[in-house]
Every structure is written in structure tokens, then in C-alpha cells.
Amino acid sequence: MTGKQQALEILADGVPHSHRELYSRLRANPNVISKLRKDGHFIHTWRAGGEWWYQLRYSPPSRPKPAPLANGTVPEVAPDQMSLEDVL
């Protein structure tokens, strides 16, 4: 499991988590929050009681990985976004 996956698993409950709690449970680089934000996740952050707090407010819908085509290649776009030229 990657650091981003670990962080999402912790934050998925939707409740606030302190910086101390989050990073004590992660085996990842502390910049994992910024990486999640770059992936489209909205993580509300604030400071209270001398601690930084993080709360997941939104995660983009996951897109299934496209299955390989008959020629064995994996398309760059999802099947519902493909044109006939992508398949031939």
C-alpha cells in the first residue's frame, strides 16, 4: 500500500485527524497531503490547539482502468470515451 493509499484510508472516515495522529500512522513522506490534493482530493486543513488538523471533504470518483484491447495494448482513455479509431 502506498503512502497516498494509507492516508486516504485514514481520512476516508470524514472526521478530523491531527497531524500527529496522521503521520504516526503513516509510513510515508509528510508531503502526502499535497500529493493527494494534486490528485483532486479536497482536504480541509486548519490549526487549532497547537495542532494541524486534516479532514477529507471530497475525493474524485475513481475511474476503472481500461482493459487491454484485442492487440494487447491498454488504451489511454476509458472505453466509454474511445472512438472507432482508438480501437482499430
Protein backbone atom coordinates (compact mmCIF):
# COMPACT_ATOMS: atom_id res chain seq x y z
CA MET A 1 0.00 0.00 0.00
CA THR A 2 1.40 3.39 -0.97
CA GLY A 3 1.58 6.39 1.33
CA LYS A 4 -1.28 8.06 -0.55
CA GLN A 5 -3.44 4.95 -0.18
CA GLN A 6 -2.64 4.79 3.54
CA ALA A 7 -3.54 8.44 4.02
CA LEU A 8 -6.81 8.05 2.11
CA GLU A 9 -7.70 5.02 4.19
CA ILE A 10 -7.18 7.04 7.38
CA LEU A 11 -9.00 10.14 6.11
CA ALA A 12 -11.89 8.23 4.48
CA ASP A 13 -13.94 8.28 7.67
CA GLY A 14 -14.53 12.02 7.12
CA VAL A 15 -13.62 13.05 10.67
CA PRO A 16 -10.71 15.39 11.52
CA HIS A 17 -7.30 13.82 12.14
CA SER A 18 -4.41 15.65 13.79
CA HIS A 19 -1.03 16.00 12.13
CA ARG A 20 0.48 13.93 14.93
CA GLU A 21 -2.02 11.09 14.52
CA LEU A 22 -1.87 11.09 10.74
CA TYR A 23 1.89 10.92 10.45
CA SER A 24 2.34 8.49 13.33
CA ARG A 25 0.11 6.05 11.42
CA LEU A 26 1.69 6.69 8.01
CA ARG A 27 4.84 5.14 6.69
CA ALA A 28 5.05 7.88 4.12
CA ASN A 29 6.62 11.21 3.35
CA PRO A 30 4.82 14.08 5.13
CA ASN A 31 4.02 15.75 1.78
CA VAL A 32 1.45 13.02 1.06
CA ILE A 33 -1.36 15.54 1.72
CA SER A 34 -0.13 17.81 -1.09
CA LYS A 35 0.11 14.78 -3.40
CA LEU A 36 -3.49 13.88 -2.62
CA ARG A 37 -4.54 17.45 -3.36
CA LYS A 38 -2.79 17.30 -6.74
CA ASP A 39 -4.83 14.16 -7.46
CA GLY A 40 -8.04 16.14 -6.92
CA HIS A 41 -8.85 15.34 -3.29
CA PHE A 42 -10.10 18.26 -1.20
CA ILE A 43 -8.57 18.09 2.27
CA HIS A 44 -9.60 20.84 4.66
CA THR A 45 -6.69 21.92 6.87
CA TRP A 46 -6.70 24.18 9.91
CA ARG A 47 -4.75 24.86 13.07
CA ALA A 48 -6.37 24.56 16.50
CA GLY A 49 -4.97 23.92 19.95
CA GLY A 50 -1.40 23.97 18.69
CA GLU A 51 -2.09 21.13 16.22
CA TRP A 52 -2.69 20.97 12.49
CA TRP A 53 -5.89 19.13 11.55
CA TYR A 54 -6.85 17.44 8.29
CA GLN A 55 -10.29 16.37 7.11
CA LEU A 56 -11.15 14.79 3.77
CA ARG A 57 -14.08 16.67 2.28
CA TYR A 58 -14.10 15.34 -1.31
CA SER A 59 -12.48 12.59 -3.36
CA PRO A 60 -12.86 12.47 -7.13
CA PRO A 61 -14.71 9.44 -8.46
CA SER A 62 -12.33 6.63 -9.27
CA ARG A 63 -12.09 5.63 -12.89
CA PRO A 64 -11.67 1.96 -13.71
CA LYS A 65 -8.55 1.06 -15.62
CA PRO A 66 -9.31 0.18 -19.23
CA ALA A 67 -8.98 -3.47 -20.18
CA PRO A 68 -6.41 -4.42 -22.80
CA LEU A 69 -7.58 -4.32 -26.40
CA ALA A 70 -7.51 -7.35 -28.70
CA ASN A 71 -4.00 -6.38 -29.84
CA GLY A 72 -2.78 -6.46 -26.21
CA THR A 73 -2.31 -2.71 -25.77
CA VAL A 74 -4.01 -0.78 -22.97
CA PRO A 75 -5.81 2.35 -24.18
CA GLU A 76 -5.03 5.72 -22.63
CA VAL A 77 -8.72 6.61 -22.32
CA ALA A 78 -11.65 4.82 -20.75
CA PRO A 79 -13.69 2.62 -23.14
CA ASP A 80 -16.73 4.90 -22.95
CA GLN A 81 -14.55 7.78 -24.23
CA MET A 82 -12.99 5.86 -27.12
CA SER A 83 -13.62 6.47 -30.78
CA LEU A 84 -13.58 3.83 -33.51
CA GLU A 85 -10.08 4.99 -34.50
CA ASP A 86 -8.80 4.14 -31.00
CA VAL A 87 -9.88 0.54 -31.39
CA LEU A 88 -8.75 -0.11 -34.98
